[in-house]
Amino acid sequence: MSTPTGGLLWADLSLDTLRALDATSDPKHKIQILTDTMKIRHYHDNPRSTILVDFCLYNLIFCDEHGFSVPKKSAFFSIMKSVFEYSFSGERIKMEESLNFFKKNVMTHCVEAPAAGRVGVFSLADVKSMTKFIGETFYRNYTA
């Protein structure tokens, strides 16, 4: 069986990195793995870096709580990282625009179409749980 590729799958977290994250239960070690992987050098000094890494860690915890497979974790991690970066890099993006960006990226990972760069890793149930999660966390505090 081949490993699916496309969209943002494997864009930020390799299989080895995900295995290393799964192998430890220590949150500080997970943060160290993420800061190394994301090349963040100022986690403790830069509030934006701290927020981004913690945000990514909580997204992985969501994946674990919902039994996501390794490819789903990889895709969700990269989708959420890209949503964060899109929403907060430079001029502030309106919540509706950010949500549309999220939806577009999720849909890229719902239907298998390799020629179009799409990979079908998420089911309808996954999309519903991810949308609920992001609505109750990221977008709940978006304008704060």
N, C-alpha and C. Protein backbone atom coordinates (compact mmCIF):
# COMPACT_ATOMS: atom_id res chain seq x y z
N MET A 1 0.86 -1.19 0.00
CA MET A 1 0.00 0.00 0.00
C MET A 1 0.89 1.23 0.00
N SER A 2 0.63 2.15 -0.90
CA SER A 2 1.45 3.35 -0.99
C SER A 2 0.96 4.40 0.01
N THR A 3 1.88 5.30 0.38
CA THR A 3 1.56 6.38 1.28
C THR A 3 1.03 7.55 0.47
N PRO A 4 -0.15 8.06 0.81
CA PRO A 4 -0.70 9.17 0.04
C PRO A 4 0.15 10.42 0.20
N THR A 5 0.24 11.18 -0.88
CA THR A 5 0.93 12.47 -0.85
C THR A 5 0.10 13.48 -1.60
N GLY A 6 0.32 14.73 -1.34
CA GLY A 6 -0.40 15.81 -2.02
C GLY A 6 -0.89 16.82 -1.01
N GLY A 7 -1.35 17.94 -1.51
CA GLY A 7 -1.82 19.00 -0.61
C GLY A 7 -0.72 19.38 0.36
N LEU A 8 -1.06 19.45 1.62
CA LEU A 8 -0.09 19.79 2.67
C LEU A 8 0.38 18.56 3.44
N LEU A 9 -0.01 17.39 2.97
CA LEU A 9 0.39 16.14 3.62
C LEU A 9 1.92 16.04 3.60
N TRP A 10 2.52 15.87 4.75
CA TRP A 10 3.96 15.74 4.95
C TRP A 10 4.71 17.05 4.71
N ALA A 11 4.02 18.17 4.59
CA ALA A 11 4.67 19.45 4.33
C ALA A 11 5.52 19.93 5.50
N ASP A 12 5.07 19.67 6.72
CA ASP A 12 5.76 20.20 7.90
C ASP A 12 6.26 19.13 8.85
N LEU A 13 5.57 18.01 8.92
CA LEU A 13 5.97 16.94 9.84
C LEU A 13 6.22 15.65 9.08
N SER A 14 7.41 15.12 9.22
CA SER A 14 7.75 13.84 8.58
C SER A 14 7.19 12.69 9.42
N LEU A 15 7.20 11.53 8.85
CA LEU A 15 6.79 10.33 9.57
C LEU A 15 7.67 10.14 10.80
N ASP A 16 8.98 10.34 10.66
CA ASP A 16 9.89 10.19 11.80
C ASP A 16 9.58 11.19 12.91
N THR A 17 9.28 12.42 12.54
CA THR A 17 8.95 13.44 13.54
C THR A 17 7.66 13.07 14.27
N LEU A 18 6.66 12.63 13.54
CA LEU A 18 5.41 12.22 14.18
C LEU A 18 5.62 11.02 15.10
N ARG A 19 6.47 10.11 14.71
CA ARG A 19 6.79 8.97 15.58
C ARG A 19 7.48 9.44 16.85
N ALA A 20 8.41 10.39 16.72
CA ALA A 20 9.11 10.93 17.90
C ALA A 20 8.12 11.63 18.83
N LEU A 21 7.19 12.38 18.27
CA LEU A 21 6.17 13.04 19.08
C LEU A 21 5.28 12.03 19.79
N ASP A 22 4.92 10.97 19.08
CA ASP A 22 4.08 9.93 19.68
C ASP A 22 4.81 9.12 20.74
N ALA A 23 6.13 9.06 20.65
CA ALA A 23 6.92 8.24 21.56
C ALA A 23 7.11 8.87 22.94
N THR A 24 6.80 10.15 23.07
CA THR A 24 6.96 10.80 24.37
C THR A 24 5.63 11.32 24.88
N SER A 25 5.47 11.26 26.19
CA SER A 25 4.26 11.83 26.81
C SER A 25 4.59 13.15 27.49
N ASP A 26 5.87 13.53 27.49
CA ASP A 26 6.32 14.75 28.16
C ASP A 26 6.06 15.97 27.26
N PRO A 27 5.16 16.87 27.69
CA PRO A 27 4.86 18.04 26.87
C PRO A 27 6.09 18.91 26.55
N LYS A 28 7.02 19.02 27.48
CA LYS A 28 8.23 19.82 27.23
C LYS A 28 9.07 19.19 26.12
N HIS A 29 9.12 17.86 26.11
CA HIS A 29 9.87 17.18 25.04
C HIS A 29 9.15 17.36 23.70
N LYS A 30 7.84 17.28 23.70
CA LYS A 30 7.07 17.51 22.47
C LYS A 30 7.33 18.93 21.94
N ILE A 31 7.35 19.91 22.85
CA ILE A 31 7.62 21.28 22.44
C ILE A 31 9.02 21.40 21.86
N GLN A 32 9.98 20.71 22.46
CA GLN A 32 11.34 20.74 21.93
C GLN A 32 11.40 20.15 20.52
N ILE A 33 10.71 19.05 20.32
CA ILE A 33 10.67 18.43 18.99
C ILE A 33 10.05 19.41 17.98
N LEU A 34 8.94 20.04 18.38
CA LEU A 34 8.28 20.98 17.47
C LEU A 34 9.15 22.20 17.18
N THR A 35 9.78 22.77 18.20
CA THR A 35 10.62 23.95 17.96
C THR A 35 11.79 23.60 17.05
N ASP A 36 12.37 22.42 17.24
CA ASP A 36 13.46 21.99 16.36
C ASP A 36 12.96 21.80 14.93
N THR A 37 11.85 21.12 14.78
CA THR A 37 11.29 20.83 13.46
C THR A 37 10.86 22.10 12.73
N MET A 38 10.25 23.01 13.48
CA MET A 38 9.74 24.25 12.89
C MET A 38 10.82 25.34 12.81
N LYS A 39 12.01 25.00 13.30
CA LYS A 39 13.14 25.94 13.29
C LYS A 39 12.83 27.22 14.04
N ILE A 40 12.17 27.06 15.19
CA ILE A 40 11.86 28.20 16.05
C ILE A 40 12.91 28.26 17.14
N ARG A 41 13.65 29.35 17.15
CA ARG A 41 14.79 29.49 18.06
C ARG A 41 14.47 30.33 19.29
N HIS A 42 13.34 31.01 19.29
CA HIS A 42 13.04 31.94 20.38
C HIS A 42 11.71 31.61 21.05
N TYR A 43 11.47 30.34 21.31
CA TYR A 43 10.21 29.92 21.91
C TYR A 43 9.97 30.63 23.24
N HIS A 44 10.99 30.71 24.08
CA HIS A 44 10.82 31.29 25.42
C HIS A 44 10.88 32.81 25.42
N ASP A 45 11.42 33.44 24.38
CA ASP A 45 11.59 34.90 24.36
C ASP A 45 10.57 35.63 23.50
N ASN A 46 9.95 34.93 22.57
CA ASN A 46 9.09 35.59 21.59
C ASN A 46 7.65 35.07 21.76
N PRO A 47 6.75 35.94 22.25
CA PRO A 47 5.36 35.49 22.48
C PRO A 47 4.70 34.89 21.24
N ARG A 48 4.95 35.46 20.06
CA ARG A 48 4.33 34.91 18.84
C ARG A 48 4.82 33.49 18.57
N SER A 49 6.12 33.25 18.77
CA SER A 49 6.66 31.90 18.59
C SER A 49 6.06 30.94 19.60
N THR A 50 5.92 31.39 20.84
CA THR A 50 5.32 30.55 21.88
C THR A 50 3.89 30.19 21.52
N ILE A 51 3.12 31.20 21.09
CA ILE A 51 1.72 30.97 20.72
C ILE A 51 1.63 29.99 19.56
N LEU A 52 2.46 30.16 18.53
CA LEU A 52 2.42 29.27 17.36
C LEU A 52 2.74 27.83 17.74
N VAL A 53 3.82 27.62 18.49
CA VAL A 53 4.21 26.26 18.86
C VAL A 53 3.15 25.62 19.76
N ASP A 54 2.67 26.36 20.75
CA ASP A 54 1.62 25.82 21.63
C ASP A 54 0.36 25.50 20.84
N PHE A 55 0.00 26.38 19.92
CA PHE A 55 -1.16 26.16 19.05
C PHE A 55 -0.98 24.85 18.27
N CYS A 56 0.20 24.65 17.72
CA CYS A 56 0.47 23.42 16.96
C CYS A 56 0.41 22.19 17.86
N LEU A 57 0.94 22.31 19.07
CA LEU A 57 0.89 21.19 20.01
C LEU A 57 -0.56 20.83 20.35
N TYR A 58 -1.38 21.82 20.63
CA TYR A 58 -2.78 21.54 20.96
C TYR A 58 -3.53 20.94 19.77
N ASN A 59 -3.15 21.31 18.57
CA ASN A 59 -3.76 20.69 17.39
C ASN A 59 -3.39 19.21 17.31
N LEU A 60 -2.16 18.86 17.66
CA LEU A 60 -1.75 17.46 17.68
C LEU A 60 -2.47 16.69 18.79
N ILE A 61 -2.68 17.33 19.93
CA ILE A 61 -3.44 16.69 21.01
C ILE A 61 -4.86 16.40 20.54
N PHE A 62 -5.47 17.36 19.83
CA PHE A 62 -6.80 17.13 19.24
C PHE A 62 -6.77 15.88 18.35
N CYS A 63 -5.76 15.77 17.52
CA CYS A 63 -5.64 14.62 16.62
C CYS A 63 -5.58 13.32 17.40
N ASP A 64 -4.78 13.30 18.47
CA ASP A 64 -4.67 12.10 19.30
C ASP A 64 -6.01 11.76 19.97
N GLU A 65 -6.68 12.77 20.47
CA GLU A 65 -7.97 12.55 21.14
C GLU A 65 -9.03 12.03 20.18
N HIS A 66 -8.88 12.31 18.89
CA HIS A 66 -9.86 11.87 17.89
C HIS A 66 -9.37 10.68 17.07
N GLY A 67 -8.26 10.08 17.50
CA GLY A 67 -7.78 8.86 16.86
C GLY A 67 -7.32 9.04 15.43
N PHE A 68 -6.83 10.22 15.08
CA PHE A 68 -6.38 10.47 13.71
C PHE A 68 -5.17 9.61 13.39
N SER A 69 -5.14 9.10 12.18
CA SER A 69 -3.99 8.35 11.68
C SER A 69 -2.81 9.31 11.50
N VAL A 70 -1.64 8.76 11.27
CA VAL A 70 -0.44 9.58 11.06
C VAL A 70 -0.61 10.53 9.86
N PRO A 71 -1.10 10.06 8.71
CA PRO A 71 -1.30 11.01 7.60
C PRO A 71 -2.30 12.12 7.94
N LYS A 72 -3.36 11.80 8.67
CA LYS A 72 -4.32 12.82 9.06
C LYS A 72 -3.67 13.85 9.98
N LYS A 73 -2.85 13.37 10.92
CA LYS A 73 -2.14 14.29 11.82
C LYS A 73 -1.24 15.23 11.04
N SER A 74 -0.51 14.68 10.09
CA SER A 74 0.39 15.49 9.28
C SER A 74 -0.38 16.56 8.52
N ALA A 75 -1.45 16.17 7.88
CA ALA A 75 -2.24 17.12 7.09
C ALA A 75 -2.89 18.17 7.98
N PHE A 76 -3.50 17.75 9.10
CA PHE A 76 -4.16 18.71 9.98
C PHE A 76 -3.15 19.69 10.57
N PHE A 77 -2.01 19.19 10.99
CA PHE A 77 -0.96 20.05 11.53
C PHE A 77 -0.60 21.14 10.51
N SER A 78 -0.34 20.74 9.28
CA SER A 78 0.08 21.70 8.25
C SER A 78 -1.05 22.66 7.86
N ILE A 79 -2.27 22.16 7.83
CA ILE A 79 -3.42 23.03 7.54
C ILE A 79 -3.52 24.11 8.60
N MET A 80 -3.48 23.69 9.86
CA MET A 80 -3.65 24.66 10.94
C MET A 80 -2.47 25.62 11.03
N LYS A 81 -1.27 25.15 10.80
CA LYS A 81 -0.10 26.03 10.79
C LYS A 81 -0.25 27.06 9.68
N SER A 82 -0.69 26.62 8.51
CA SER A 82 -0.85 27.56 7.39
C SER A 82 -1.99 28.55 7.66
N VAL A 83 -3.06 28.10 8.32
CA VAL A 83 -4.16 29.01 8.68
C VAL A 83 -3.65 30.07 9.65
N PHE A 84 -2.88 29.67 10.64
CA PHE A 84 -2.31 30.60 11.61
C PHE A 84 -1.43 31.63 10.90
N GLU A 85 -0.52 31.15 10.06
CA GLU A 85 0.40 32.04 9.35
C GLU A 85 -0.35 32.96 8.40
N TYR A 86 -1.33 32.44 7.70
CA TYR A 86 -2.14 33.25 6.78
C TYR A 86 -2.89 34.34 7.54
N SER A 87 -3.42 33.98 8.68
CA SER A 87 -4.27 34.90 9.44
C SER A 87 -3.48 35.99 10.15
N PHE A 88 -2.24 35.72 10.50
CA PHE A 88 -1.51 36.67 11.36
C PHE A 88 -0.18 37.15 10.79
N SER A 89 0.08 36.90 9.53
CA SER A 89 1.30 37.42 8.91
C SER A 89 0.97 38.71 8.19
N GLY A 90 1.55 39.79 8.66
CA GLY A 90 1.28 41.07 8.02
C GLY A 90 -0.05 41.64 8.44
N GLU A 91 -0.80 42.16 7.46
CA GLU A 91 -2.09 42.78 7.75
C GLU A 91 -3.07 41.74 8.26
N ARG A 92 -3.82 42.10 9.28
CA ARG A 92 -4.78 41.19 9.90
C ARG A 92 -5.88 40.82 8.92
N ILE A 93 -6.16 39.55 8.80
CA ILE A 93 -7.17 39.01 7.89
C ILE A 93 -8.49 38.89 8.65
N LYS A 94 -9.59 39.24 7.99
CA LYS A 94 -10.90 39.08 8.62
C LYS A 94 -11.17 37.60 8.89
N MET A 95 -11.96 37.34 9.93
CA MET A 95 -12.26 35.97 10.32
C MET A 95 -12.90 35.18 9.17
N GLU A 96 -13.80 35.78 8.43
CA GLU A 96 -14.48 35.08 7.33
C GLU A 96 -13.47 34.64 6.27
N GLU A 97 -12.51 35.51 5.98
CA GLU A 97 -11.49 35.19 4.99
C GLU A 97 -10.59 34.06 5.49
N SER A 98 -10.25 34.12 6.76
CA SER A 98 -9.43 33.07 7.35
C SER A 98 -10.18 31.73 7.34
N LEU A 99 -11.46 31.77 7.68
CA LEU A 99 -12.27 30.55 7.69
C LEU A 99 -12.39 29.97 6.29
N ASN A 100 -12.54 30.81 5.28
CA ASN A 100 -12.58 30.32 3.90
C ASN A 100 -11.26 29.67 3.51
N PHE A 101 -10.14 30.24 3.96
CA PHE A 101 -8.82 29.66 3.72
C PHE A 101 -8.73 28.27 4.37
N PHE A 102 -9.22 28.16 5.61
CA PHE A 102 -9.26 26.87 6.31
C PHE A 102 -10.08 25.86 5.52
N LYS A 103 -11.29 26.23 5.12
CA LYS A 103 -12.18 25.32 4.39
C LYS A 103 -11.54 24.84 3.09
N LYS A 104 -10.94 25.77 2.35
CA LYS A 104 -10.30 25.42 1.08
C LYS A 104 -9.19 24.39 1.31
N ASN A 105 -8.39 24.61 2.34
CA ASN A 105 -7.30 23.67 2.63
C ASN A 105 -7.81 22.32 3.11
N VAL A 106 -8.85 22.32 3.90
CA VAL A 106 -9.43 21.05 4.35
C VAL A 106 -9.98 20.28 3.16
N MET A 107 -10.69 20.96 2.28
CA MET A 107 -11.29 20.28 1.12
C MET A 107 -10.22 19.69 0.20
N THR A 108 -9.04 20.28 0.16
CA THR A 108 -7.94 19.74 -0.64
C THR A 108 -7.52 18.37 -0.12
N HIS A 109 -7.89 18.06 1.11
CA HIS A 109 -7.49 16.80 1.74
C HIS A 109 -8.67 15.84 1.95
N CYS A 110 -9.76 16.10 1.23
CA CYS A 110 -10.96 15.25 1.39
C CYS A 110 -11.26 14.39 0.17
N VAL A 111 -10.77 14.80 -0.98
CA VAL A 111 -11.08 14.10 -2.23
C VAL A 111 -9.77 13.70 -2.90
N GLU A 112 -9.68 12.45 -3.27
CA GLU A 112 -8.47 11.94 -3.94
C GLU A 112 -8.46 12.40 -5.40
N ALA A 113 -7.49 13.25 -5.73
CA ALA A 113 -7.30 13.72 -7.10
C ALA A 113 -5.84 14.12 -7.26
N PRO A 114 -4.95 13.13 -7.40
CA PRO A 114 -3.51 13.41 -7.44
C PRO A 114 -3.09 14.44 -8.49
N ALA A 115 -3.70 14.41 -9.66
CA ALA A 115 -3.34 15.36 -10.71
C ALA A 115 -3.61 16.80 -10.29
N ALA A 116 -4.58 16.99 -9.40
CA ALA A 116 -4.93 18.32 -8.91
C ALA A 116 -4.25 18.63 -7.58
N GLY A 117 -3.37 17.73 -7.12
CA GLY A 117 -2.68 17.95 -5.84
C GLY A 117 -3.56 17.70 -4.64
N ARG A 118 -4.58 16.89 -4.83
CA ARG A 118 -5.52 16.58 -3.73
C ARG A 118 -5.31 15.16 -3.24
N VAL A 119 -5.45 15.00 -1.94
CA VAL A 119 -5.31 13.68 -1.34
C VAL A 119 -6.46 13.47 -0.36
N GLY A 120 -7.14 12.37 -0.48
CA GLY A 120 -8.32 12.11 0.35
C GLY A 120 -7.98 11.43 1.66
N VAL A 121 -7.59 12.22 2.66
CA VAL A 121 -7.28 11.61 3.96
C VAL A 121 -8.40 11.82 4.98
N PHE A 122 -9.22 12.86 4.80
CA PHE A 122 -10.25 13.17 5.79
C PHE A 122 -11.63 12.69 5.35
N SER A 123 -12.36 12.14 6.30
CA SER A 123 -13.75 11.75 6.08
C SER A 123 -14.66 12.92 6.45
N LEU A 124 -15.94 12.78 6.17
CA LEU A 124 -16.92 13.79 6.56
C LEU A 124 -16.93 13.97 8.07
N ALA A 125 -16.86 12.87 8.80
CA ALA A 125 -16.83 12.94 10.27
C ALA A 125 -15.60 13.70 10.75
N ASP A 126 -14.46 13.49 10.11
CA ASP A 126 -13.23 14.23 10.46
C ASP A 126 -13.44 15.73 10.24
N VAL A 127 -14.00 16.07 9.09
CA VAL A 127 -14.21 17.48 8.75
C VAL A 127 -15.12 18.13 9.78
N LYS A 128 -16.17 17.44 10.17
CA LYS A 128 -17.09 17.98 11.17
C LYS A 128 -16.38 18.19 12.51
N SER A 129 -15.58 17.22 12.95
CA SER A 129 -14.90 17.37 14.24
C SER A 129 -13.83 18.45 14.17
N MET A 130 -13.11 18.56 13.06
CA MET A 130 -12.09 19.60 12.92
C MET A 130 -12.73 20.99 12.90
N THR A 131 -13.83 21.12 12.17
CA THR A 131 -14.52 22.41 12.07
C THR A 131 -15.07 22.83 13.42
N LYS A 132 -15.63 21.88 14.15
CA LYS A 132 -16.13 22.17 15.50
C LYS A 132 -14.98 22.61 16.40
N PHE A 133 -13.88 21.88 16.35
CA PHE A 133 -12.71 22.19 17.17
C PHE A 133 -12.16 23.58 16.87
N ILE A 134 -11.96 23.88 15.62
CA ILE A 134 -11.39 25.18 15.27
C ILE A 134 -12.36 26.31 15.59
N GLY A 135 -13.64 26.04 15.48
CA GLY A 135 -14.64 27.05 15.84
C GLY A 135 -14.67 27.34 17.33
N GLU A 136 -14.46 26.30 18.13
CA GLU A 136 -14.50 26.46 19.58
C GLU A 136 -13.17 26.93 20.18
N THR A 137 -12.12 26.92 19.39
CA THR A 137 -10.81 27.31 19.91
C THR A 137 -10.28 28.52 19.14
N PHE A 138 -9.73 28.29 17.99
CA PHE A 138 -9.07 29.34 17.21
C PHE A 138 -10.01 30.49 16.88
N TYR A 139 -11.17 30.21 16.32
CA TYR A 139 -12.06 31.28 15.89
C TYR A 139 -12.87 31.86 17.04
N ARG A 140 -13.01 31.15 18.11
CA ARG A 140 -13.68 31.68 19.29
C ARG A 140 -12.92 32.89 19.83
N ASN A 141 -11.61 32.83 19.75
CA ASN A 141 -10.75 33.89 20.27
C ASN A 141 -10.14 34.75 19.17
N TYR A 142 -10.60 34.60 17.95
CA TYR A 142 -9.95 35.23 16.80
C TYR A 142 -9.86 36.76 16.91
N THR A 143 -10.91 37.41 17.35
CA THR A 143 -10.88 38.86 17.39
C THR A 143 -10.38 39.41 18.72
N ALA A 144 -9.99 38.54 19.62
CA ALA A 144 -9.52 38.99 20.95
C ALA A 144 -8.22 39.75 20.84
